[in-house]
Amino acid sequence: MVLFSKFIVATLFTRAIKAQIMPFDAREATVDSVHHALYSGLSTCREVVSSFLARIEAHNNLTNAIITLNPKALTVADELDEQLATGNATGPLFCVPILLKDNYDTVDMPTTGGNLALAKSQPTEDAPSVVAFKKAGAVILGKANLHELALEGISVSSLGGQTINPYDSTRTPGGSSGGTGAAVASSFCVFGTGTDTVNSLRSPASANSLCSIRPTQGLITRTGIIPISYTHDVIGPIARSIKDVAVALTVMASSGYDPADNSTARVPSTIRNVDYAASLTTGSLKGLRLGVLNGFFNRTASAEVTPVNNAMDTLMARLEAEGVTLIPINETIYNATAIQAALDVQRFEYRELFDQYIERPSLAGEHPSTLNELYSHKATNGSGGEFLVIPSQYEYVNTALISSTSNATYLQRQQGIRNLTLALLNTFASNEVDAIIYPEQKNLVVKIGSPSQSGRNGILAALTGTPVVTVPAGFSEPSDDAPIGVPIGMEILGRPWDDEKLLGIGYKIEQLLKVRKSPKWARDIVEVPAYDSVPTVTPDTSAIPSAYPLGTL
């Protein structure tokens, strides 16, 4: 008995020494690696959280990805350490540090949408998805930058400045969830959240060699998220691996039915409470039938397009070598540019939804009372109603301020969306495919200063409400600006409620190809100080390109 006690003491002493000489390594950390460090005694929760804070403090100047850090993050970590010490460490995300796109309502931090006029807008209730994260044990580190109010895809905002792609400092990180994408790629957190109105969970994943899921609309409640469109909007996770995406999705979907978002009533009873990570398995891809949406490629050779085609062609050849049958889909209806021009309805829904959000009694702090006031000189919080004047966004807002769901054009487009959805389901059935693949973006993610994020293919899922998993597909050739190349992503689209199936396909492809690479500078070890409090991060608004001046309508 004495010998056994001495063994326990020696083991605990050894673990304590290891924890001192082997601080937690946040680089490419996963949910599993965090839990291994905690449950084996190699690290404390405070040490895990501190390691991510140190990376943000050291390297956020290279990405400008973070708007604010949660002042309570270390306090939460200490509380979790107390639970760990008493053997009460529970929750699938216990002490997993995450970042939220700054359009998720949080009681601990303002929710700004990256807009100066909302800098002091303070929710008094967490969004249900945030409640679910906290219940699962996650530590919310802070808020990530986004394209202002999530209205474009180049991730620049009047409050947060321009977020920079960590693989190529001359390029955007995709968007609108580009702050999340850049932060996850840089190992500033284990995973982050985004929103997707047209492309915004998938574009940053593609541009940062990450994985994501745009879930079937209704799987996760959108309550407590700054809205754009009832028809288009979903929320979801972005991570460095499919498994972490699946773990995060399981938690986010656990909120279940929400009477404040009636899209959640559509979830079939058979998939409620699914553990999306538990069903992931390695194995052969043989026998899988994947449709290839040829209309979502640009086969014109150019420096920006050819690398995407090369990456996709190489990937598809590898899939065929593994026994996957690729079915070409050449129907002319699948033209992303034409679909968006003819059927996009977000401008008709935006003003009404935003006004409902901003007028809620649970929203405290200083903020405009309507969208019209936000984009006027009437703002009373000292911002003067300033916002970024980006050509596509300026025209978008002007249209949204005078459009509504009562417009005849809106009703016509909704009928067109129903027709498109039926056509897509028919394409699945007639071709007998398990999923449909195509590049997330026809060209490399655009340069900083570009007027818009061109070439993206997200509109099909955005209108039909169908799920899409994004996985890394490859990289462009290295260059002086991009030392390991620019990331390229592929979308895997399925039928409604095929989320679990798509994650399984994505996981097998991810394990087969192992495309993911971290940014070159993000591989450096960062010294972790003993923090007394959470450091502050100030966004670099001087990084706003001169092409995007501040102004008012």
Protein backbone atom coordinates (compact mmCIF):
# COMPACT_ATOMS: atom_id res chain seq x y z
CA MET A 1 0.00 0.00 0.00
CA VAL A 2 2.89 2.34 0.85
CA LEU A 3 4.57 1.50 -2.45
CA PHE A 4 1.34 2.23 -4.32
CA SER A 5 1.02 5.62 -2.60
CA LYS A 6 4.62 6.45 -3.48
CA PHE A 7 3.82 5.54 -7.10
CA ILE A 8 0.87 7.95 -7.15
CA VAL A 9 2.95 10.77 -5.66
CA ALA A 10 5.74 10.12 -8.17
CA THR A 11 3.29 10.10 -11.06
CA LEU A 12 1.68 13.38 -9.98
CA PHE A 13 5.11 14.93 -9.50
CA THR A 14 6.18 13.81 -12.98
CA ARG A 15 3.03 15.29 -14.49
CA ALA A 16 3.63 18.57 -12.65
CA ILE A 17 7.17 18.75 -14.00
CA LYS A 18 5.95 17.99 -17.54
CA ALA A 19 3.35 20.72 -17.28
CA GLN A 20 6.09 23.17 -16.32
CA ILE A 21 8.55 22.23 -19.04
CA MET A 22 5.98 21.38 -21.72
CA PRO A 23 3.47 24.26 -21.91
CA PHE A 24 0.38 23.55 -23.95
CA ASP A 25 1.07 23.86 -27.67
CA ALA A 26 -1.84 25.70 -29.29
CA ARG A 27 -0.54 25.19 -32.82
CA GLU A 28 -3.10 23.17 -34.80
CA ALA A 29 -4.72 22.13 -31.50
CA THR A 30 -7.96 20.14 -31.63
CA VAL A 31 -10.75 19.36 -29.21
CA ASP A 32 -9.09 16.00 -28.60
CA SER A 33 -5.61 17.45 -28.00
CA VAL A 34 -6.98 19.98 -25.50
CA HIS A 35 -8.78 17.23 -23.62
CA HIS A 36 -5.73 14.96 -23.68
CA ALA A 37 -3.60 17.72 -22.14
CA LEU A 38 -6.20 18.40 -19.44
CA TYR A 39 -7.20 14.89 -18.53
CA SER A 40 -3.65 13.54 -18.50
CA GLY A 41 -2.53 16.31 -16.16
CA LEU A 42 -0.13 17.88 -18.65
CA SER A 43 -1.89 21.25 -18.61
CA THR A 44 -4.46 23.25 -16.73
CA CYS A 45 -7.34 25.06 -18.36
CA ARG A 46 -5.71 28.40 -17.54
CA GLU A 47 -2.56 27.26 -19.34
CA VAL A 48 -4.56 26.15 -22.38
CA VAL A 49 -6.43 29.43 -22.58
CA SER A 50 -3.26 31.45 -21.96
CA SER A 51 -1.51 29.71 -24.84
CA PHE A 52 -4.15 30.92 -27.29
CA LEU A 53 -4.21 34.42 -25.80
CA ALA A 54 -0.44 34.57 -26.23
CA ARG A 55 -0.72 33.66 -29.90
CA ILE A 56 -3.36 36.32 -30.45
CA GLU A 57 -1.31 38.94 -28.62
CA ALA A 58 1.84 38.03 -30.56
CA HIS A 59 0.40 37.60 -34.04
CA ASN A 60 -2.93 39.39 -34.43
CA ASN A 61 -1.03 42.24 -36.09
CA LEU A 62 -0.33 39.83 -38.98
CA THR A 63 -4.01 39.10 -39.61
CA ASN A 64 -6.08 41.81 -37.87
CA ALA A 65 -8.58 39.03 -37.23
CA ILE A 66 -9.75 39.89 -33.70
CA ILE A 67 -12.05 42.75 -32.73
CA THR A 68 -12.11 42.14 -28.96
CA LEU A 69 -11.11 39.61 -26.33
CA ASN A 70 -13.40 38.37 -23.58
CA PRO A 71 -12.27 39.92 -20.28
CA LYS A 72 -13.75 36.94 -18.43
CA ALA A 73 -11.87 34.23 -20.37
CA LEU A 74 -9.26 33.56 -17.66
CA THR A 75 -11.87 33.67 -14.91
CA VAL A 76 -13.89 31.04 -16.76
CA ALA A 77 -10.72 28.97 -17.20
CA ASP A 78 -10.05 29.12 -13.43
CA GLU A 79 -13.61 27.98 -12.72
CA LEU A 80 -13.15 25.06 -15.08
CA ASP A 81 -9.87 24.16 -13.37
CA GLU A 82 -11.78 23.94 -10.09
CA GLN A 83 -14.21 21.52 -11.74
CA LEU A 84 -11.28 19.55 -13.14
CA ALA A 85 -9.66 19.29 -9.70
CA THR A 86 -12.87 17.89 -8.19
CA GLY A 87 -13.42 15.38 -10.98
CA ASN A 88 -16.37 17.31 -12.34
CA ALA A 89 -15.01 18.08 -15.81
CA THR A 90 -17.97 17.52 -18.10
CA GLY A 91 -19.12 18.70 -21.48
CA PRO A 92 -17.98 17.88 -25.02
CA LEU A 93 -16.19 21.24 -25.24
CA PHE A 94 -14.78 21.37 -21.71
CA CYS A 95 -12.12 24.14 -21.72
CA VAL A 96 -12.03 24.33 -25.51
CA PRO A 97 -11.12 27.92 -26.48
CA ILE A 98 -13.28 29.27 -29.30
CA LEU A 99 -13.90 32.56 -31.10
CA LEU A 100 -17.23 33.94 -32.27
CA LYS A 101 -17.92 36.02 -35.33
CA ASP A 102 -18.90 39.45 -34.04
CA ASN A 103 -22.51 39.13 -35.09
CA TYR A 104 -23.33 36.58 -32.36
CA ASP A 105 -25.04 38.09 -29.30
CA THR A 106 -22.95 37.80 -26.11
CA VAL A 107 -23.57 39.25 -22.67
CA ASP A 108 -19.82 39.40 -21.97
CA MET A 109 -18.92 41.57 -24.97
CA PRO A 110 -20.61 44.02 -27.33
CA THR A 111 -21.99 42.62 -30.59
CA THR A 112 -20.98 45.08 -33.28
CA GLY A 113 -21.18 43.49 -36.70
CA GLY A 114 -17.92 45.39 -37.29
CA ASN A 115 -19.90 48.65 -37.58
CA LEU A 116 -18.85 51.83 -35.78
CA ALA A 117 -22.45 52.72 -34.98
CA LEU A 118 -22.84 49.42 -33.09
CA ALA A 119 -19.56 49.64 -31.15
CA LYS A 120 -21.46 50.00 -27.85
CA SER A 121 -24.43 47.80 -28.69
CA GLN A 122 -24.69 45.39 -25.77
CA PRO A 123 -26.94 42.31 -25.73
CA THR A 124 -28.27 41.33 -22.32
CA GLU A 125 -28.91 37.74 -23.47
CA ASP A 126 -26.57 35.27 -25.15
CA ALA A 127 -27.65 33.83 -28.49
CA PRO A 128 -28.94 30.25 -28.00
CA SER A 129 -25.88 28.91 -29.83
CA VAL A 130 -23.65 30.79 -27.37
CA VAL A 131 -25.65 29.37 -24.46
CA ALA A 132 -25.07 25.90 -25.92
CA PHE A 133 -21.31 26.51 -26.16
CA LYS A 134 -21.12 27.65 -22.55
CA LYS A 135 -23.21 24.71 -21.38
CA ALA A 136 -20.82 22.38 -23.24
CA GLY A 137 -17.88 23.88 -21.34
CA ALA A 138 -16.31 26.05 -24.07
CA VAL A 139 -14.24 29.11 -23.21
CA ILE A 140 -15.21 32.01 -25.44
CA LEU A 141 -11.97 33.90 -26.06
CA GLY A 142 -13.47 36.83 -27.94
CA LYS A 143 -14.97 38.13 -31.15
CA ALA A 144 -13.57 37.92 -34.68
CA ASN A 145 -13.73 40.60 -37.35
CA LEU A 146 -16.08 40.18 -40.29
CA HIS A 147 -17.12 42.03 -43.35
CA GLU A 148 -19.17 44.94 -42.06
CA LEU A 149 -22.60 43.60 -41.05
CA ALA A 150 -21.73 40.50 -43.14
CA LEU A 151 -22.85 42.25 -46.32
CA GLU A 152 -19.87 41.31 -48.53
CA GLY A 153 -17.04 38.83 -48.72
CA ILE A 154 -13.78 40.74 -48.34
CA SER A 155 -13.77 41.00 -44.51
CA VAL A 156 -13.21 44.70 -43.98
CA SER A 157 -15.18 46.78 -41.49
CA SER A 158 -15.24 50.32 -40.16
CA LEU A 159 -14.71 49.05 -36.60
CA GLY A 160 -12.32 46.14 -37.24
CA GLY A 161 -10.36 47.26 -40.30
CA GLN A 162 -9.15 44.87 -43.01
CA THR A 163 -8.52 41.25 -42.05
CA ILE A 164 -5.51 39.80 -43.86
CA ASN A 165 -5.14 36.31 -45.26
CA PRO A 166 -2.47 34.51 -43.16
CA TYR A 167 -1.20 32.63 -46.23
CA ASP A 168 -0.80 35.69 -48.46
CA SER A 169 -0.73 39.16 -46.91
CA THR A 170 -1.84 40.73 -50.21
CA ARG A 171 -5.14 38.83 -50.21
CA THR A 172 -8.40 38.87 -48.30
CA PRO A 173 -9.27 35.91 -46.06
CA GLY A 174 -12.59 35.35 -47.81
CA GLY A 175 -15.72 36.49 -46.07
CA SER A 176 -17.85 37.60 -44.55
CA SER A 177 -16.58 35.35 -41.72
CA GLY A 178 -13.00 36.11 -42.74
CA GLY A 179 -11.89 37.08 -39.25
CA THR A 180 -12.93 33.66 -38.02
CA GLY A 181 -11.21 31.95 -40.94
CA ALA A 182 -7.93 33.82 -40.46
CA ALA A 183 -8.04 33.24 -36.70
CA VAL A 184 -8.67 29.51 -36.94
CA ALA A 185 -5.97 29.08 -39.60
CA SER A 186 -3.53 30.94 -37.33
CA SER A 187 -4.35 28.75 -34.29
CA PHE A 188 -5.86 31.62 -32.32
CA CYS A 189 -8.56 29.18 -31.16
CA VAL A 190 -9.56 25.54 -31.60
CA PHE A 191 -12.50 26.50 -33.81
CA GLY A 192 -14.69 29.49 -34.53
CA THR A 193 -18.16 30.34 -35.68
CA GLY A 194 -19.48 32.01 -38.77
CA THR A 195 -22.70 32.90 -40.51
CA ASP A 196 -23.58 32.16 -44.11
CA THR A 197 -25.99 34.25 -46.14
CA VAL A 198 -24.52 33.29 -49.50
CA ASN A 199 -20.94 32.03 -49.02
CA SER A 200 -19.69 33.10 -45.64
CA LEU A 201 -19.01 29.82 -43.84
CA ARG A 202 -17.46 28.32 -46.93
CA SER A 203 -15.46 31.18 -48.44
CA PRO A 204 -13.19 31.66 -45.37
CA ALA A 205 -12.77 27.89 -45.03
CA SER A 206 -11.68 27.64 -48.64
CA ALA A 207 -9.34 30.64 -48.40
CA ASN A 208 -7.66 29.41 -45.20
CA SER A 209 -7.27 25.63 -45.75
CA LEU A 210 -10.06 24.85 -43.29
CA CYS A 211 -13.21 22.76 -42.98
CA SER A 212 -16.73 24.00 -42.41
CA ILE A 213 -20.36 23.06 -42.72
CA ARG A 214 -23.24 25.16 -43.89
CA PRO A 215 -25.92 23.03 -42.20
CA THR A 216 -29.38 22.38 -43.57
CA GLN A 217 -31.38 25.49 -42.78
CA GLY A 218 -33.32 24.93 -39.57
CA LEU A 219 -30.81 22.59 -37.93
CA ILE A 220 -29.44 25.45 -35.79
CA THR A 221 -31.50 28.36 -34.53
CA ARG A 222 -30.47 31.80 -35.82
CA THR A 223 -31.90 33.72 -32.86
CA GLY A 224 -29.45 36.20 -31.40
CA ILE A 225 -27.51 36.65 -34.63
CA ILE A 226 -27.49 39.97 -36.50
CA PRO A 227 -29.71 38.95 -39.42
CA ILE A 228 -29.71 39.60 -43.14
CA SER A 229 -32.17 37.19 -44.73
CA TYR A 230 -34.69 34.69 -43.42
CA THR A 231 -34.40 32.77 -46.72
CA HIS A 232 -30.59 32.72 -46.91
CA ASP A 233 -29.14 32.82 -43.40
CA VAL A 234 -27.64 29.90 -41.46
CA ILE A 235 -24.93 29.70 -38.80
CA GLY A 236 -22.24 27.11 -38.20
CA PRO A 237 -18.63 26.24 -37.29
CA ILE A 238 -15.27 26.61 -39.04
CA ALA A 239 -12.38 24.40 -37.88
CA ARG A 240 -9.09 22.85 -38.90
CA SER A 241 -10.59 19.37 -39.09
CA ILE A 242 -13.88 17.74 -40.00
CA LYS A 243 -14.02 16.05 -36.59
CA ASP A 244 -13.94 19.39 -34.78
CA VAL A 245 -16.58 20.73 -37.17
CA ALA A 246 -18.74 17.73 -36.26
CA VAL A 247 -18.24 18.20 -32.52
CA ALA A 248 -19.11 21.89 -32.80
CA LEU A 249 -22.15 21.20 -34.97
CA THR A 250 -23.48 18.71 -32.43
CA VAL A 251 -23.31 21.35 -29.70
CA MET A 252 -24.78 24.13 -31.84
CA ALA A 253 -27.70 21.94 -32.94
CA SER A 254 -28.45 20.88 -29.36
CA SER A 255 -30.56 24.00 -28.80
CA GLY A 256 -33.28 22.20 -30.74
CA TYR A 257 -36.61 23.78 -31.60
CA ASP A 258 -36.76 27.54 -31.12
CA PRO A 259 -40.16 29.26 -31.38
CA ALA A 260 -38.33 32.49 -32.23
CA ASP A 261 -36.96 30.85 -35.40
CA ASN A 262 -39.65 28.71 -36.97
CA SER A 263 -37.21 27.20 -39.47
CA THR A 264 -36.17 24.92 -36.59
CA ALA A 265 -39.60 23.26 -36.70
CA ARG A 266 -38.58 21.54 -39.93
CA VAL A 267 -35.93 19.32 -38.34
CA PRO A 268 -37.03 15.66 -38.66
CA SER A 269 -37.41 13.88 -35.34
CA THR A 270 -35.06 11.15 -36.57
CA ILE A 271 -32.04 13.47 -36.57
CA ARG A 272 -32.62 15.44 -33.40
CA ASN A 273 -29.83 14.86 -30.87
CA VAL A 274 -27.49 13.29 -33.42
CA ASP A 275 -23.83 13.08 -32.39
CA TYR A 276 -22.20 14.07 -35.67
CA ALA A 277 -18.67 13.22 -34.53
CA ALA A 278 -19.56 9.73 -33.31
CA SER A 279 -20.58 8.62 -36.79
CA LEU A 280 -17.30 9.62 -38.49
CA THR A 281 -15.41 6.59 -39.74
CA THR A 282 -12.35 6.02 -41.86
CA GLY A 283 -12.61 3.58 -44.72
CA SER A 284 -12.90 3.22 -48.44
CA LEU A 285 -14.54 5.73 -50.73
CA LYS A 286 -15.14 3.00 -53.29
CA GLY A 287 -18.68 2.97 -54.65
CA LEU A 288 -19.36 6.62 -53.84
CA ARG A 289 -21.10 8.52 -56.64
CA LEU A 290 -20.30 12.23 -56.79
CA GLY A 291 -21.80 14.66 -59.26
CA VAL A 292 -19.39 17.25 -60.69
CA LEU A 293 -21.11 20.59 -61.29
CA ASN A 294 -19.24 21.72 -64.39
CA GLY A 295 -21.08 25.03 -64.58
CA PHE A 296 -19.39 26.04 -61.32
CA PHE A 297 -15.90 25.89 -62.86
CA ASN A 298 -14.21 28.59 -64.93
CA ARG A 299 -12.15 26.75 -67.52
CA THR A 300 -10.56 29.90 -68.94
CA ALA A 301 -6.84 29.78 -68.24
CA SER A 302 -5.47 32.61 -66.11
CA ALA A 303 -3.12 33.12 -63.18
CA GLU A 304 -6.07 33.39 -60.77
CA VAL A 305 -8.23 30.59 -62.20
CA THR A 306 -5.83 27.87 -63.39
CA PRO A 307 -4.55 26.97 -59.88
CA VAL A 308 -8.13 26.22 -58.80
CA ASN A 309 -8.75 23.98 -61.80
CA ASN A 310 -5.43 22.20 -61.30
CA ALA A 311 -6.20 21.52 -57.63
CA MET A 312 -9.69 20.26 -58.40
CA ASP A 313 -8.55 18.09 -61.32
CA THR A 314 -5.83 16.52 -59.17
CA LEU A 315 -8.30 15.89 -56.36
CA MET A 316 -10.89 14.34 -58.68
CA ALA A 317 -8.26 12.07 -60.27
CA ARG A 318 -7.32 10.87 -56.81
CA LEU A 319 -10.96 10.18 -55.96
CA GLU A 320 -11.41 8.16 -59.14
CA ALA A 321 -8.30 6.16 -58.28
CA GLU A 322 -9.99 5.29 -54.97
CA GLY A 323 -13.05 3.92 -56.75
CA VAL A 324 -15.29 6.99 -56.68
CA THR A 325 -17.54 7.41 -59.71
CA LEU A 326 -17.69 11.02 -60.92
CA ILE A 327 -20.86 11.99 -62.79
CA PRO A 328 -20.65 15.15 -64.92
CA ILE A 329 -23.59 17.51 -64.43
CA ASN A 330 -23.87 19.92 -67.32
CA GLU A 331 -27.36 21.35 -66.86
CA THR A 332 -27.28 25.03 -67.83
CA ILE A 333 -29.50 25.98 -64.89
CA TYR A 334 -26.45 25.70 -62.64
CA ASN A 335 -24.79 29.04 -63.29
CA ALA A 336 -23.93 30.73 -59.99
CA THR A 337 -23.83 34.26 -61.40
CA ALA A 338 -27.17 33.88 -63.15
CA ILE A 339 -28.81 32.25 -60.12
CA GLN A 340 -27.72 35.05 -57.83
CA ALA A 341 -28.84 37.78 -60.22
CA ALA A 342 -32.25 36.20 -60.76
CA LEU A 343 -33.18 34.76 -57.36
CA ASP A 344 -31.25 36.38 -54.50
CA VAL A 345 -33.82 37.83 -52.05
CA GLN A 346 -31.72 39.12 -49.17
CA ARG A 347 -32.20 42.78 -50.07
CA PHE A 348 -35.97 42.40 -49.78
CA GLU A 349 -35.75 40.87 -46.29
CA TYR A 350 -32.81 42.73 -44.76
CA ARG A 351 -34.34 45.97 -43.53
CA GLU A 352 -37.31 44.31 -41.85
CA LEU A 353 -35.20 41.67 -40.10
CA PHE A 354 -32.52 44.14 -38.99
CA ASP A 355 -35.12 46.49 -37.53
CA GLN A 356 -36.64 43.59 -35.58
CA TYR A 357 -33.19 42.70 -34.23
CA ILE A 358 -32.19 46.24 -33.26
CA GLU A 359 -35.54 47.05 -31.61
CA ARG A 360 -35.50 44.09 -29.17
CA PRO A 361 -35.88 45.01 -25.48
CA SER A 362 -32.95 42.68 -24.69
CA LEU A 363 -30.52 44.85 -26.66
CA ALA A 364 -28.98 47.48 -24.40
CA GLY A 365 -26.16 49.96 -24.90
CA GLU A 366 -25.98 52.76 -27.43
CA HIS A 367 -27.16 51.87 -30.90
CA PRO A 368 -29.34 53.19 -33.73
CA SER A 369 -33.00 52.20 -33.60
CA THR A 370 -33.43 51.25 -37.27
CA LEU A 371 -31.36 50.31 -40.31
CA ASN A 372 -32.22 53.65 -41.87
CA GLU A 373 -30.82 55.44 -38.81
CA LEU A 374 -27.71 53.30 -38.91
CA TYR A 375 -27.01 54.54 -42.43
CA SER A 376 -27.78 58.19 -41.75
CA HIS A 377 -26.37 61.19 -39.93
CA LYS A 378 -28.84 60.61 -37.09
CA ALA A 379 -26.72 58.14 -35.13
CA THR A 380 -26.35 59.49 -31.58
CA ASN A 381 -23.35 57.53 -30.34
CA GLY A 382 -20.66 59.71 -31.85
CA SER A 383 -20.05 57.57 -34.89
CA GLY A 384 -21.86 59.92 -37.24
CA GLY A 385 -23.42 56.92 -38.95
CA GLU A 386 -20.16 56.14 -40.69
CA PHE A 387 -19.76 52.90 -42.60
CA LEU A 388 -17.52 51.56 -45.30
CA VAL A 389 -18.35 52.81 -48.76
CA ILE A 390 -17.70 49.74 -50.88
CA PRO A 391 -19.30 49.90 -54.34
CA SER A 392 -21.26 46.66 -54.12
CA GLN A 393 -22.28 47.27 -50.51
CA TYR A 394 -23.32 50.89 -51.13
CA GLU A 395 -25.68 49.83 -53.90
CA TYR A 396 -26.90 46.90 -51.79
CA VAL A 397 -27.86 49.10 -48.84
CA ASN A 398 -29.58 51.70 -51.01
CA THR A 399 -31.73 48.95 -52.49
CA ALA A 400 -32.44 47.33 -49.11
CA LEU A 401 -33.63 50.61 -47.59
CA ILE A 402 -36.49 50.87 -50.10
CA SER A 403 -37.28 47.18 -50.69
CA SER A 404 -39.53 44.88 -48.71
CA THR A 405 -41.13 41.45 -48.79
CA SER A 406 -44.30 43.02 -50.17
CA ASN A 407 -42.60 43.73 -53.50
CA ALA A 408 -44.01 41.73 -56.41
CA THR A 409 -40.45 40.87 -57.46
CA TYR A 410 -39.88 39.22 -54.09
CA LEU A 411 -42.81 36.86 -54.55
CA GLN A 412 -41.64 35.98 -58.06
CA ARG A 413 -38.16 35.19 -56.78
CA GLN A 414 -39.52 32.98 -54.02
CA GLN A 415 -41.35 30.96 -56.65
CA GLY A 416 -38.11 30.74 -58.62
CA ILE A 417 -36.33 29.47 -55.50
CA ARG A 418 -38.90 26.71 -55.11
CA ASN A 419 -38.40 25.73 -58.74
CA LEU A 420 -34.61 25.71 -58.29
CA THR A 421 -34.92 23.51 -55.20
CA LEU A 422 -37.08 21.01 -57.05
CA ALA A 423 -34.63 21.01 -59.98
CA LEU A 424 -31.73 20.30 -57.63
CA LEU A 425 -33.54 17.40 -55.98
CA ASN A 426 -34.34 16.04 -59.43
CA THR A 427 -30.66 16.30 -60.37
CA PHE A 428 -29.76 14.19 -57.36
CA ALA A 429 -32.39 11.58 -58.18
CA SER A 430 -31.86 11.37 -61.94
CA ASN A 431 -28.08 11.04 -61.60
CA GLU A 432 -28.24 8.80 -58.53
CA VAL A 433 -25.47 10.73 -56.78
CA ASP A 434 -24.58 10.76 -53.10
CA ALA A 435 -23.37 14.36 -53.24
CA ILE A 436 -22.31 17.07 -55.68
CA ILE A 437 -18.84 18.64 -55.72
CA TYR A 438 -17.35 21.83 -57.16
CA PRO A 439 -14.75 24.44 -56.15
CA GLU A 440 -15.95 26.90 -53.53
CA GLN A 441 -14.49 29.70 -55.64
CA LYS A 442 -13.67 29.59 -59.35
CA ASN A 443 -10.59 31.72 -58.80
CA LEU A 444 -8.15 32.30 -55.96
CA VAL A 445 -9.45 34.41 -53.09
CA VAL A 446 -9.24 38.04 -54.22
CA LYS A 447 -6.63 40.64 -53.42
CA ILE A 448 -7.11 43.28 -50.73
CA GLY A 449 -8.70 46.34 -52.31
CA SER A 450 -10.83 44.34 -54.76
CA PRO A 451 -14.39 45.67 -55.13
CA SER A 452 -15.96 42.31 -54.26
CA GLN A 453 -15.20 38.62 -53.64
CA SER A 454 -15.69 37.35 -57.19
CA GLY A 455 -16.16 33.83 -58.46
CA ARG A 456 -17.81 32.19 -55.44
CA ASN A 457 -20.33 29.37 -55.85
CA GLY A 458 -22.29 29.46 -52.62
CA ILE A 459 -25.61 30.74 -53.94
CA LEU A 460 -27.06 27.32 -54.83
CA ALA A 461 -27.08 26.06 -51.23
CA ALA A 462 -27.95 29.49 -49.87
CA LEU A 463 -31.25 29.53 -51.77
CA THR A 464 -32.20 25.86 -51.54
CA GLY A 465 -31.32 25.50 -47.84
CA THR A 466 -29.30 22.37 -48.57
CA PRO A 467 -26.21 21.39 -46.53
CA VAL A 468 -22.63 21.84 -47.73
CA VAL A 469 -19.36 20.63 -46.24
CA THR A 470 -16.18 22.42 -47.29
CA VAL A 471 -12.79 20.69 -47.24
CA PRO A 472 -9.31 21.80 -48.34
CA ALA A 473 -8.64 20.82 -51.97
CA GLY A 474 -5.12 22.11 -52.51
CA PHE A 475 -2.89 25.15 -52.88
CA SER A 476 -1.65 27.33 -55.67
CA GLU A 477 2.06 27.29 -56.42
CA PRO A 478 4.21 29.09 -53.82
CA SER A 479 5.22 32.67 -54.55
CA ASP A 480 6.95 35.58 -52.83
CA ASP A 481 3.58 36.71 -51.44
CA ALA A 482 2.35 33.20 -50.63
CA PRO A 483 5.28 31.12 -49.33
CA ILE A 484 3.33 27.85 -49.33
CA GLY A 485 0.69 28.88 -51.85
CA VAL A 486 -2.88 30.18 -51.59
CA PRO A 487 -5.44 27.69 -50.20
CA ILE A 488 -8.20 26.30 -52.42
CA GLY A 489 -11.36 24.63 -51.09
CA MET A 490 -14.02 22.26 -52.41
CA GLU A 491 -17.72 22.18 -51.57
CA ILE A 492 -19.62 18.91 -51.05
CA LEU A 493 -23.36 19.57 -51.39
CA GLY A 494 -26.10 17.17 -50.36
CA ARG A 495 -29.85 16.81 -50.01
CA PRO A 496 -31.68 18.43 -47.09
CA TRP A 497 -30.78 16.80 -43.74
CA ASP A 498 -27.80 14.96 -45.27
CA ASP A 499 -25.49 16.81 -42.87
CA GLU A 500 -24.27 13.63 -41.18
CA LYS A 501 -23.67 11.89 -44.52
CA LEU A 502 -21.75 14.87 -45.93
CA LEU A 503 -19.52 15.09 -42.87
CA GLY A 504 -18.76 11.38 -43.33
CA ILE A 505 -17.78 11.94 -46.97
CA GLY A 506 -15.74 15.01 -46.08
CA TYR A 507 -13.96 13.13 -43.30
CA LYS A 508 -12.91 10.30 -45.60
CA ILE A 509 -11.67 12.75 -48.24
CA GLU A 510 -9.82 14.77 -45.58
CA GLN A 511 -8.13 11.64 -44.21
CA LEU A 512 -7.21 10.44 -47.69
CA LEU A 513 -5.73 13.67 -49.02
CA LYS A 514 -4.40 15.42 -45.89
CA VAL A 515 -4.26 18.74 -47.70
CA ARG A 516 -4.36 21.05 -44.68
CA LYS A 517 -1.19 23.06 -43.99
CA SER A 518 -0.80 25.86 -41.46
CA PRO A 519 0.50 29.30 -42.52
CA LYS A 520 4.28 29.45 -42.49
CA TRP A 521 4.59 32.06 -39.75
CA ALA A 522 1.93 30.33 -37.64
CA ARG A 523 4.30 27.39 -37.09
CA ASP A 524 6.47 29.46 -34.75
CA ILE A 525 6.37 28.75 -31.02
CA VAL A 526 5.05 31.65 -28.95
CA GLU A 527 6.22 32.20 -25.38
CA VAL A 528 3.27 32.15 -22.99
CA PRO A 529 3.38 34.74 -20.18
CA ALA A 530 1.69 34.28 -16.82
CA TYR A 531 -1.34 36.47 -17.44
CA ASP A 532 -2.90 38.33 -14.53
CA SER A 533 -5.72 39.43 -16.82
CA VAL A 534 -6.81 39.04 -20.42
CA PRO A 535 -4.73 41.27 -22.70
CA THR A 536 -6.42 43.84 -24.90
CA VAL A 537 -6.41 43.75 -28.68
CA THR A 538 -6.98 46.89 -30.72
CA PRO A 539 -8.06 46.38 -34.33
CA ASP A 540 -5.91 48.15 -36.88
CA THR A 541 -8.34 50.38 -38.75
CA SER A 542 -5.44 52.00 -40.59
CA ALA A 543 -5.40 48.76 -42.58
CA ILE A 544 -8.66 49.73 -44.31
CA PRO A 545 -7.71 50.04 -47.99
CA SER A 546 -8.04 53.52 -49.46
CA ALA A 547 -10.52 52.06 -51.96
CA TYR A 548 -12.99 51.75 -49.06
CA PRO A 549 -13.49 55.21 -47.53
CA LEU A 550 -15.67 55.87 -44.51
CA GLY A 551 -18.82 57.76 -45.30
CA THR A 552 -22.57 58.04 -44.91
CA LEU A 553 -25.55 57.56 -47.17
